[in-house]
Amino acid sequence: MIMPRGSDQLLLPANPVFIAFTLFVALVIDMVPLGRVAGAPDIVALVLVFWNVHQPRRVGVGVAFLLGLLMDVHEGALLGQHALAYTVLSFLAVMVHRRLRWFDWPSQALQVLPLFAFAHLISLVVRLLSGAAFPGWTLLLAPLLEALLWPLAGWLLLAPQRRPPDPDQNRPL
């Protein structure tokens, strides 16, 4: 099998407990009451897209929907606002996951930027249709910050998979 250009080594399988832990940590980070700024990046969306790209069979649209409902309940938003945005974001990420992994991290960041922007647009449209006020133009910063955080997220979330396997004389890899 030909390896994608972006991967320079074989990775160990992702631990499902680690995947669940990272999604939980991202949810906790987004739930910290620091006076949510309109331009702050959505860490749940970032981690969700990362695992949709790297583990699409383990983290899919159902997980995105549940995380979206939890964010809706936490923020007191219209029920389904984040769930719809995360579900569409997850679907789009799973759609491009094979192509996306062939590129290096900066190119991947450019390609996930429209996904993040579309998810924020969906959330904004649902918010405006429900009668809320426009949050301001700083909302445009969130997808940019999420795309800029993409290489850092990749480096952090793939770190446990880069461990060298136990050495074995009968196994050259």
N, C-alpha and C. Protein backbone atom coordinates (compact mmCIF):
# COMPACT_ATOMS: atom_id res chain seq x y z
N MET A 1 0.84 -1.18 0.00
CA MET A 1 0.00 0.00 0.00
C MET A 1 0.88 1.24 0.00
N ILE A 2 0.52 2.20 -0.80
CA ILE A 2 1.27 3.45 -0.85
C ILE A 2 0.84 4.31 0.33
N MET A 3 1.82 4.84 1.06
CA MET A 3 1.50 5.68 2.22
C MET A 3 1.31 7.12 1.78
N PRO A 4 0.35 7.82 2.37
CA PRO A 4 0.18 9.24 2.04
C PRO A 4 1.44 10.03 2.36
N ARG A 5 1.61 11.14 1.63
CA ARG A 5 2.80 11.96 1.80
C ARG A 5 2.91 12.56 3.19
N GLY A 6 1.79 12.90 3.81
CA GLY A 6 1.82 13.55 5.11
C GLY A 6 2.28 12.65 6.24
N SER A 7 2.22 11.34 6.06
CA SER A 7 2.59 10.44 7.15
C SER A 7 3.99 9.88 6.88
N ASP A 8 4.90 10.15 7.78
CA ASP A 8 6.27 9.71 7.60
C ASP A 8 6.56 8.42 8.36
N GLN A 9 5.61 7.95 9.15
CA GLN A 9 5.82 6.71 9.88
C GLN A 9 4.48 6.01 10.07
N LEU A 10 4.57 4.73 10.33
CA LEU A 10 3.36 3.98 10.63
C LEU A 10 2.91 4.33 12.04
N LEU A 11 1.61 4.53 12.21
CA LEU A 11 1.07 4.89 13.51
C LEU A 11 0.43 3.68 14.17
N LEU A 12 0.50 3.65 15.48
CA LEU A 12 -0.21 2.62 16.23
C LEU A 12 -1.71 2.88 16.15
N PRO A 13 -2.54 1.87 16.38
CA PRO A 13 -3.98 2.11 16.37
C PRO A 13 -4.39 3.08 17.48
N ALA A 14 -5.39 3.88 17.21
CA ALA A 14 -5.89 4.84 18.20
C ALA A 14 -6.69 4.10 19.25
N ASN A 15 -6.43 4.43 20.50
CA ASN A 15 -7.14 3.83 21.62
C ASN A 15 -8.51 4.50 21.74
N PRO A 16 -9.61 3.73 21.74
CA PRO A 16 -10.94 4.34 21.86
C PRO A 16 -11.13 5.13 23.16
N VAL A 17 -10.45 4.72 24.22
CA VAL A 17 -10.53 5.46 25.48
C VAL A 17 -9.88 6.83 25.32
N PHE A 18 -8.77 6.89 24.61
CA PHE A 18 -8.10 8.16 24.37
C PHE A 18 -8.97 9.08 23.50
N ILE A 19 -9.62 8.52 22.50
CA ILE A 19 -10.51 9.31 21.65
C ILE A 19 -11.63 9.91 22.48
N ALA A 20 -12.27 9.09 23.32
CA ALA A 20 -13.35 9.58 24.17
C ALA A 20 -12.84 10.62 25.16
N PHE A 21 -11.64 10.40 25.70
CA PHE A 21 -11.06 11.36 26.64
C PHE A 21 -10.81 12.71 25.98
N THR A 22 -10.27 12.70 24.76
CA THR A 22 -10.00 13.98 24.09
C THR A 22 -11.29 14.72 23.75
N LEU A 23 -12.32 13.98 23.37
CA LEU A 23 -13.61 14.63 23.10
C LEU A 23 -14.20 15.21 24.38
N PHE A 24 -14.04 14.49 25.49
CA PHE A 24 -14.54 14.99 26.77
C PHE A 24 -13.76 16.24 27.21
N VAL A 25 -12.44 16.23 27.06
CA VAL A 25 -11.63 17.39 27.42
C VAL A 25 -12.00 18.60 26.56
N ALA A 26 -12.22 18.37 25.28
CA ALA A 26 -12.63 19.47 24.40
C ALA A 26 -13.98 20.03 24.83
N LEU A 27 -14.89 19.17 25.23
CA LEU A 27 -16.20 19.62 25.71
C LEU A 27 -16.05 20.43 26.99
N VAL A 28 -15.20 19.98 27.89
CA VAL A 28 -14.97 20.72 29.14
C VAL A 28 -14.33 22.07 28.85
N ILE A 29 -13.37 22.13 27.92
CA ILE A 29 -12.73 23.40 27.58
C ILE A 29 -13.75 24.38 27.02
N ASP A 30 -14.65 23.88 26.17
CA ASP A 30 -15.68 24.78 25.62
C ASP A 30 -16.71 25.18 26.66
N MET A 31 -16.85 24.40 27.71
CA MET A 31 -17.85 24.72 28.74
C MET A 31 -17.31 25.60 29.86
N VAL A 32 -16.01 25.86 29.87
CA VAL A 32 -15.43 26.71 30.91
C VAL A 32 -16.01 28.12 30.78
N PRO A 33 -16.54 28.66 31.87
CA PRO A 33 -17.19 29.98 31.78
C PRO A 33 -16.18 31.13 31.80
N LEU A 34 -15.57 31.38 30.67
CA LEU A 34 -14.61 32.47 30.57
C LEU A 34 -15.21 33.66 29.82
N GLY A 35 -16.52 33.78 29.81
CA GLY A 35 -17.13 34.85 29.06
C GLY A 35 -16.95 34.60 27.57
N ARG A 36 -17.64 33.64 27.06
CA ARG A 36 -17.50 33.18 25.67
C ARG A 36 -17.50 34.36 24.70
N VAL A 37 -16.39 34.55 24.03
CA VAL A 37 -16.24 35.61 23.05
C VAL A 37 -16.75 35.08 21.71
N ALA A 38 -17.32 35.96 20.90
CA ALA A 38 -17.89 35.53 19.62
C ALA A 38 -16.83 34.97 18.68
N GLY A 39 -15.59 35.40 18.78
CA GLY A 39 -14.54 34.94 17.88
C GLY A 39 -13.71 33.80 18.42
N ALA A 40 -14.08 33.24 19.57
CA ALA A 40 -13.29 32.16 20.17
C ALA A 40 -13.45 30.88 19.36
N PRO A 41 -12.37 30.11 19.20
CA PRO A 41 -12.48 28.86 18.43
C PRO A 41 -13.31 27.82 19.18
N ASP A 42 -13.99 26.99 18.42
CA ASP A 42 -14.80 25.92 18.96
C ASP A 42 -13.92 24.67 19.03
N ILE A 43 -13.43 24.37 20.22
CA ILE A 43 -12.49 23.26 20.40
C ILE A 43 -13.18 21.92 20.14
N VAL A 44 -14.45 21.80 20.50
CA VAL A 44 -15.18 20.55 20.24
C VAL A 44 -15.22 20.29 18.74
N ALA A 45 -15.52 21.31 17.96
CA ALA A 45 -15.57 21.14 16.50
C ALA A 45 -14.20 20.74 15.95
N LEU A 46 -13.15 21.34 16.48
CA LEU A 46 -11.80 21.04 16.02
C LEU A 46 -11.43 19.58 16.30
N VAL A 47 -11.66 19.14 17.52
CA VAL A 47 -11.32 17.75 17.89
C VAL A 47 -12.23 16.77 17.17
N LEU A 48 -13.49 17.14 17.02
CA LEU A 48 -14.44 16.28 16.32
C LEU A 48 -14.03 16.07 14.86
N VAL A 49 -13.66 17.13 14.18
CA VAL A 49 -13.22 17.01 12.78
C VAL A 49 -11.93 16.21 12.70
N PHE A 50 -11.03 16.42 13.65
CA PHE A 50 -9.78 15.67 13.63
C PHE A 50 -10.06 14.17 13.70
N TRP A 51 -10.91 13.75 14.64
CA TRP A 51 -11.19 12.32 14.77
C TRP A 51 -12.06 11.82 13.63
N ASN A 52 -12.90 12.68 13.04
CA ASN A 52 -13.65 12.27 11.85
C ASN A 52 -12.71 11.98 10.68
N VAL A 53 -11.64 12.73 10.59
CA VAL A 53 -10.68 12.53 9.50
C VAL A 53 -9.80 11.31 9.77
N HIS A 54 -9.34 11.14 11.01
CA HIS A 54 -8.38 10.08 11.31
C HIS A 54 -9.03 8.77 11.77
N GLN A 55 -10.21 8.82 12.33
CA GLN A 55 -10.90 7.61 12.78
C GLN A 55 -12.39 7.70 12.41
N PRO A 56 -12.73 7.69 11.12
CA PRO A 56 -14.13 7.90 10.74
C PRO A 56 -15.07 6.78 11.14
N ARG A 57 -14.54 5.60 11.41
CA ARG A 57 -15.43 4.50 11.82
C ARG A 57 -15.77 4.56 13.31
N ARG A 58 -14.93 5.21 14.07
CA ARG A 58 -15.16 5.29 15.52
C ARG A 58 -15.90 6.56 15.92
N VAL A 59 -15.61 7.65 15.24
CA VAL A 59 -16.24 8.94 15.56
C VAL A 59 -16.96 9.39 14.30
N GLY A 60 -18.28 9.37 14.38
CA GLY A 60 -19.07 9.71 13.20
C GLY A 60 -20.12 10.76 13.49
N VAL A 61 -21.14 10.74 12.69
CA VAL A 61 -22.20 11.74 12.76
C VAL A 61 -23.00 11.62 14.06
N GLY A 62 -23.18 10.41 14.56
CA GLY A 62 -23.93 10.22 15.81
C GLY A 62 -23.24 10.86 17.00
N VAL A 63 -21.93 10.70 17.08
CA VAL A 63 -21.16 11.33 18.15
C VAL A 63 -21.25 12.84 18.02
N ALA A 64 -21.18 13.35 16.80
CA ALA A 64 -21.28 14.79 16.56
C ALA A 64 -22.64 15.32 17.02
N PHE A 65 -23.69 14.57 16.74
CA PHE A 65 -25.02 14.99 17.15
C PHE A 65 -25.14 15.05 18.67
N LEU A 66 -24.63 14.04 19.36
CA LEU A 66 -24.69 14.02 20.83
C LEU A 66 -23.88 15.16 21.44
N LEU A 67 -22.68 15.40 20.90
CA LEU A 67 -21.87 16.52 21.41
C LEU A 67 -22.57 17.85 21.14
N GLY A 68 -23.22 17.97 19.99
CA GLY A 68 -23.96 19.19 19.68
C GLY A 68 -25.11 19.41 20.63
N LEU A 69 -25.82 18.36 20.97
CA LEU A 69 -26.92 18.50 21.94
C LEU A 69 -26.40 18.92 23.30
N LEU A 70 -25.26 18.35 23.72
CA LEU A 70 -24.67 18.76 24.99
C LEU A 70 -24.27 20.23 24.98
N MET A 71 -23.72 20.70 23.88
CA MET A 71 -23.36 22.12 23.78
C MET A 71 -24.60 23.01 23.75
N ASP A 72 -25.66 22.55 23.10
CA ASP A 72 -26.91 23.33 23.08
C ASP A 72 -27.48 23.48 24.48
N VAL A 73 -27.50 22.39 25.23
CA VAL A 73 -28.04 22.44 26.59
C VAL A 73 -27.16 23.31 27.47
N HIS A 74 -25.85 23.20 27.32
CA HIS A 74 -24.95 23.99 28.14
C HIS A 74 -25.09 25.48 27.88
N GLU A 75 -25.12 25.87 26.61
CA GLU A 75 -25.16 27.28 26.28
C GLU A 75 -26.57 27.86 26.32
N GLY A 76 -27.57 27.02 26.49
CA GLY A 76 -28.94 27.52 26.50
C GLY A 76 -29.37 27.99 25.12
N ALA A 77 -28.76 27.44 24.10
CA ALA A 77 -29.06 27.82 22.72
C ALA A 77 -30.31 27.06 22.27
N LEU A 78 -30.77 27.44 21.10
CA LEU A 78 -31.89 26.73 20.50
C LEU A 78 -31.51 25.27 20.36
N LEU A 79 -32.34 24.38 20.88
CA LEU A 79 -32.01 22.96 20.89
C LEU A 79 -31.86 22.45 19.45
N GLY A 80 -30.68 22.02 19.12
CA GLY A 80 -30.39 21.51 17.80
C GLY A 80 -29.49 22.42 16.99
N GLN A 81 -29.20 23.61 17.50
CA GLN A 81 -28.35 24.56 16.75
C GLN A 81 -26.94 24.00 16.57
N HIS A 82 -26.28 23.65 17.66
CA HIS A 82 -24.94 23.09 17.58
C HIS A 82 -25.01 21.66 17.02
N ALA A 83 -26.08 20.94 17.35
CA ALA A 83 -26.20 19.57 16.87
C ALA A 83 -26.25 19.54 15.34
N LEU A 84 -26.99 20.45 14.74
CA LEU A 84 -27.05 20.51 13.28
C LEU A 84 -25.69 20.91 12.71
N ALA A 85 -25.07 21.92 13.29
CA ALA A 85 -23.77 22.37 12.78
C ALA A 85 -22.72 21.27 12.90
N TYR A 86 -22.64 20.60 14.05
CA TYR A 86 -21.65 19.54 14.25
C TYR A 86 -21.94 18.34 13.35
N THR A 87 -23.21 18.03 13.13
CA THR A 87 -23.56 16.89 12.28
C THR A 87 -23.15 17.15 10.84
N VAL A 88 -23.45 18.34 10.33
CA VAL A 88 -23.05 18.67 8.96
C VAL A 88 -21.52 18.72 8.86
N LEU A 89 -20.87 19.31 9.86
CA LEU A 89 -19.41 19.38 9.89
C LEU A 89 -18.81 17.97 9.88
N SER A 90 -19.36 17.09 10.68
CA SER A 90 -18.86 15.72 10.76
C SER A 90 -19.06 14.99 9.44
N PHE A 91 -20.23 15.17 8.83
CA PHE A 91 -20.49 14.53 7.54
C PHE A 91 -19.50 15.00 6.49
N LEU A 92 -19.26 16.30 6.43
CA LEU A 92 -18.32 16.84 5.44
C LEU A 92 -16.89 16.36 5.71
N ALA A 93 -16.52 16.26 6.97
CA ALA A 93 -15.17 15.79 7.31
C ALA A 93 -14.99 14.33 6.93
N VAL A 94 -16.01 13.51 7.15
CA VAL A 94 -15.91 12.10 6.76
C VAL A 94 -15.86 11.98 5.25
N MET A 95 -16.56 12.88 4.55
CA MET A 95 -16.54 12.86 3.09
C MET A 95 -15.14 13.11 2.52
N VAL A 96 -14.37 13.99 3.15
CA VAL A 96 -13.06 14.35 2.60
C VAL A 96 -11.90 13.69 3.32
N HIS A 97 -12.17 12.76 4.23
CA HIS A 97 -11.10 12.24 5.07
C HIS A 97 -10.01 11.50 4.28
N ARG A 98 -10.36 10.80 3.23
CA ARG A 98 -9.33 10.07 2.47
C ARG A 98 -8.42 11.03 1.70
N ARG A 99 -9.01 12.05 1.10
CA ARG A 99 -8.22 13.01 0.33
C ARG A 99 -7.38 13.89 1.24
N LEU A 100 -7.93 14.26 2.38
CA LEU A 100 -7.28 15.22 3.26
C LEU A 100 -5.97 14.67 3.84
N ARG A 101 -5.91 13.40 4.10
CA ARG A 101 -4.73 12.82 4.73
C ARG A 101 -3.52 12.74 3.82
N TRP A 102 -3.69 13.00 2.53
CA TRP A 102 -2.57 12.99 1.59
C TRP A 102 -1.74 14.26 1.65
N PHE A 103 -2.25 15.29 2.31
CA PHE A 103 -1.59 16.59 2.33
C PHE A 103 -0.84 16.80 3.64
N ASP A 104 0.09 17.76 3.63
CA ASP A 104 0.79 18.10 4.86
C ASP A 104 -0.12 18.96 5.74
N TRP A 105 0.33 19.26 6.95
CA TRP A 105 -0.54 19.93 7.92
C TRP A 105 -1.00 21.32 7.49
N PRO A 106 -0.12 22.19 6.94
CA PRO A 106 -0.62 23.50 6.52
C PRO A 106 -1.65 23.42 5.38
N SER A 107 -1.45 22.49 4.46
CA SER A 107 -2.43 22.31 3.38
C SER A 107 -3.74 21.76 3.92
N GLN A 108 -3.66 20.89 4.89
CA GLN A 108 -4.88 20.38 5.52
C GLN A 108 -5.63 21.51 6.21
N ALA A 109 -4.90 22.40 6.86
CA ALA A 109 -5.54 23.53 7.55
C ALA A 109 -6.30 24.40 6.56
N LEU A 110 -5.74 24.62 5.38
CA LEU A 110 -6.44 25.39 4.36
C LEU A 110 -7.69 24.68 3.87
N GLN A 111 -7.65 23.36 3.86
CA GLN A 111 -8.80 22.61 3.35
C GLN A 111 -9.90 22.41 4.39
N VAL A 112 -9.57 22.46 5.68
CA VAL A 112 -10.62 22.35 6.69
C VAL A 112 -11.22 23.72 7.03
N LEU A 113 -10.57 24.80 6.61
CA LEU A 113 -11.10 26.14 6.87
C LEU A 113 -12.51 26.32 6.32
N PRO A 114 -12.82 25.92 5.07
CA PRO A 114 -14.21 26.06 4.61
C PRO A 114 -15.20 25.21 5.41
N LEU A 115 -14.76 24.06 5.90
CA LEU A 115 -15.65 23.23 6.72
C LEU A 115 -16.03 23.96 8.01
N PHE A 116 -15.03 24.52 8.68
CA PHE A 116 -15.30 25.26 9.92
C PHE A 116 -16.15 26.50 9.64
N ALA A 117 -15.87 27.19 8.55
CA ALA A 117 -16.64 28.39 8.21
C ALA A 117 -18.09 28.02 7.93
N PHE A 118 -18.32 26.92 7.23
CA PHE A 118 -19.69 26.50 6.92
C PHE A 118 -20.44 26.10 8.19
N ALA A 119 -19.76 25.44 9.12
CA ALA A 119 -20.41 25.06 10.38
C ALA A 119 -20.81 26.30 11.18
N HIS A 120 -19.94 27.31 11.21
CA HIS A 120 -20.28 28.54 11.91
C HIS A 120 -21.40 29.29 11.20
N LEU A 121 -21.43 29.20 9.88
CA LEU A 121 -22.51 29.84 9.12
C LEU A 121 -23.85 29.17 9.43
N ILE A 122 -23.87 27.85 9.52
CA ILE A 122 -25.10 27.14 9.87
C ILE A 122 -25.59 27.57 11.24
N SER A 123 -24.68 27.60 12.20
CA SER A 123 -25.05 28.01 13.56
C SER A 123 -25.56 29.44 13.58
N LEU A 124 -24.93 30.33 12.82
CA LEU A 124 -25.35 31.73 12.75
C LEU A 124 -26.73 31.86 12.13
N VAL A 125 -26.98 31.14 11.05
CA VAL A 125 -28.29 31.22 10.39
C VAL A 125 -29.39 30.72 11.31
N VAL A 126 -29.15 29.62 12.01
CA VAL A 126 -30.16 29.10 12.95
C VAL A 126 -30.40 30.11 14.06
N ARG A 127 -29.33 30.71 14.56
CA ARG A 127 -29.46 31.72 15.62
C ARG A 127 -30.24 32.93 15.14
N LEU A 128 -29.97 33.41 13.93
CA LEU A 128 -30.67 34.57 13.40
C LEU A 128 -32.14 34.26 13.08
N LEU A 129 -32.41 33.05 12.59
CA LEU A 129 -33.79 32.67 12.31
C LEU A 129 -34.63 32.54 13.58
N SER A 130 -33.97 32.26 14.69
CA SER A 130 -34.71 32.15 15.95
C SER A 130 -34.93 33.50 16.61
N GLY A 131 -34.41 34.58 16.00
CA GLY A 131 -34.67 35.92 16.52
C GLY A 131 -33.55 36.52 17.34
N ALA A 132 -32.40 35.88 17.40
CA ALA A 132 -31.29 36.43 18.17
C ALA A 132 -30.61 37.55 17.38
N ALA A 133 -29.86 38.37 18.08
CA ALA A 133 -29.15 39.47 17.44
C ALA A 133 -27.87 38.96 16.78
N PHE A 134 -27.39 39.71 15.79
CA PHE A 134 -26.15 39.37 15.11
C PHE A 134 -25.00 39.53 16.10
N PRO A 135 -24.15 38.50 16.27
CA PRO A 135 -23.10 38.57 17.29
C PRO A 135 -21.93 39.49 16.95
N GLY A 136 -21.84 39.95 15.74
CA GLY A 136 -20.74 40.84 15.36
C GLY A 136 -19.81 40.17 14.38
N TRP A 137 -18.96 40.99 13.78
CA TRP A 137 -18.06 40.48 12.76
C TRP A 137 -16.89 39.71 13.33
N THR A 138 -16.72 39.74 14.65
CA THR A 138 -15.63 38.94 15.24
C THR A 138 -15.91 37.44 15.11
N LEU A 139 -17.12 37.10 14.72
CA LEU A 139 -17.48 35.70 14.50
C LEU A 139 -16.63 35.10 13.37
N LEU A 140 -16.13 35.93 12.47
CA LEU A 140 -15.31 35.44 11.37
C LEU A 140 -13.94 34.94 11.82
N LEU A 141 -13.53 35.32 13.03
CA LEU A 141 -12.23 34.89 13.53
C LEU A 141 -12.22 33.41 13.95
N ALA A 142 -13.36 32.91 14.39
CA ALA A 142 -13.41 31.54 14.91
C ALA A 142 -12.95 30.49 13.90
N PRO A 143 -13.48 30.48 12.66
CA PRO A 143 -12.98 29.46 11.72
C PRO A 143 -11.51 29.63 11.38
N LEU A 144 -11.04 30.86 11.34
CA LEU A 144 -9.61 31.10 11.06
C LEU A 144 -8.74 30.55 12.19
N LEU A 145 -9.15 30.80 13.43
CA LEU A 145 -8.38 30.29 14.57
C LEU A 145 -8.42 28.76 14.63
N GLU A 146 -9.56 28.19 14.29
CA GLU A 146 -9.67 26.72 14.29
C GLU A 146 -8.75 26.12 13.22
N ALA A 147 -8.70 26.76 12.05
CA ALA A 147 -7.81 26.27 11.00
C ALA A 147 -6.34 26.44 11.41
N LEU A 148 -6.03 27.53 12.11
CA LEU A 148 -4.65 27.73 12.57
C LEU A 148 -4.27 26.72 13.66
N LEU A 149 -5.25 26.29 14.45
CA LEU A 149 -4.99 25.30 15.49
C LEU A 149 -4.94 23.87 14.96
N TRP A 150 -5.31 23.67 13.71
CA TRP A 150 -5.36 22.31 13.13
C TRP A 150 -4.02 21.58 13.21
N PRO A 151 -2.89 22.19 12.82
CA PRO A 151 -1.61 21.45 12.93
C PRO A 151 -1.24 21.12 14.38
N LEU A 152 -1.52 22.04 15.31
CA LEU A 152 -1.24 21.78 16.71
C LEU A 152 -2.10 20.64 17.24
N ALA A 153 -3.36 20.64 16.86
CA ALA A 153 -4.26 19.55 17.28
C ALA A 153 -3.78 18.21 16.72
N GLY A 154 -3.34 18.23 15.47
CA GLY A 154 -2.82 17.00 14.88
C GLY A 154 -1.59 16.49 15.59
N TRP A 155 -0.70 17.39 15.93
CA TRP A 155 0.52 16.99 16.63
C TRP A 155 0.20 16.42 18.01
N LEU A 156 -0.72 17.08 18.74
CA LEU A 156 -1.07 16.62 20.09
C LEU A 156 -1.87 15.32 20.08
N LEU A 157 -2.85 15.23 19.19
CA LEU A 157 -3.75 14.08 19.23
C LEU A 157 -3.14 12.82 18.61
N LEU A 158 -2.14 12.98 17.78
CA LEU A 158 -1.47 11.80 17.22
C LEU A 158 -0.25 11.37 18.02
N ALA A 159 0.10 12.14 19.06
CA ALA A 159 1.29 11.82 19.85
C ALA A 159 1.25 10.43 20.47
N PRO A 160 0.14 9.99 21.07
CA PRO A 160 0.16 8.63 21.65
C PRO A 160 0.30 7.52 20.60
N GLN A 161 -0.06 7.80 19.37
CA GLN A 161 0.03 6.78 18.32
C GLN A 161 1.44 6.70 17.73
N ARG A 162 2.28 7.69 18.01
CA ARG A 162 3.64 7.69 17.48
C ARG A 162 4.62 6.93 18.35
N ARG A 163 4.16 6.40 19.47
CA ARG A 163 5.06 5.63 20.33
C ARG A 163 5.67 4.48 19.56
N PRO A 164 6.92 4.19 19.81
CA PRO A 164 7.48 3.02 19.14
C PRO A 164 6.87 1.76 19.73
N PRO A 165 6.54 0.81 18.88
CA PRO A 165 5.99 -0.45 19.41
C PRO A 165 7.05 -1.20 20.20
N ASP A 166 6.62 -2.16 20.96
CA ASP A 166 7.56 -2.99 21.71
C ASP A 166 8.51 -3.67 20.74
N PRO A 167 9.81 -3.60 21.01
CA PRO A 167 10.77 -4.22 20.07
C PRO A 167 10.61 -5.74 20.09
N ASP A 168 10.74 -6.29 18.92
CA ASP A 168 10.63 -7.74 18.77
C ASP A 168 11.60 -8.16 17.68
N GLN A 169 12.40 -9.18 17.93
CA GLN A 169 13.40 -9.59 16.96
C GLN A 169 12.75 -10.21 15.73
N ASN A 170 11.54 -10.72 15.86
CA ASN A 170 10.88 -11.37 14.73
C ASN A 170 10.02 -10.40 13.92
N ARG A 171 9.92 -9.18 14.38
CA ARG A 171 9.04 -8.21 13.72
C ARG A 171 9.87 -6.97 13.38
N PRO A 172 10.18 -6.75 12.10
CA PRO A 172 11.08 -5.64 11.76
C PRO A 172 10.44 -4.27 11.89
N LEU A 173 9.14 -4.14 11.88
CA LEU A 173 8.52 -2.82 11.97
C LEU A 173 8.33 -2.46 13.36
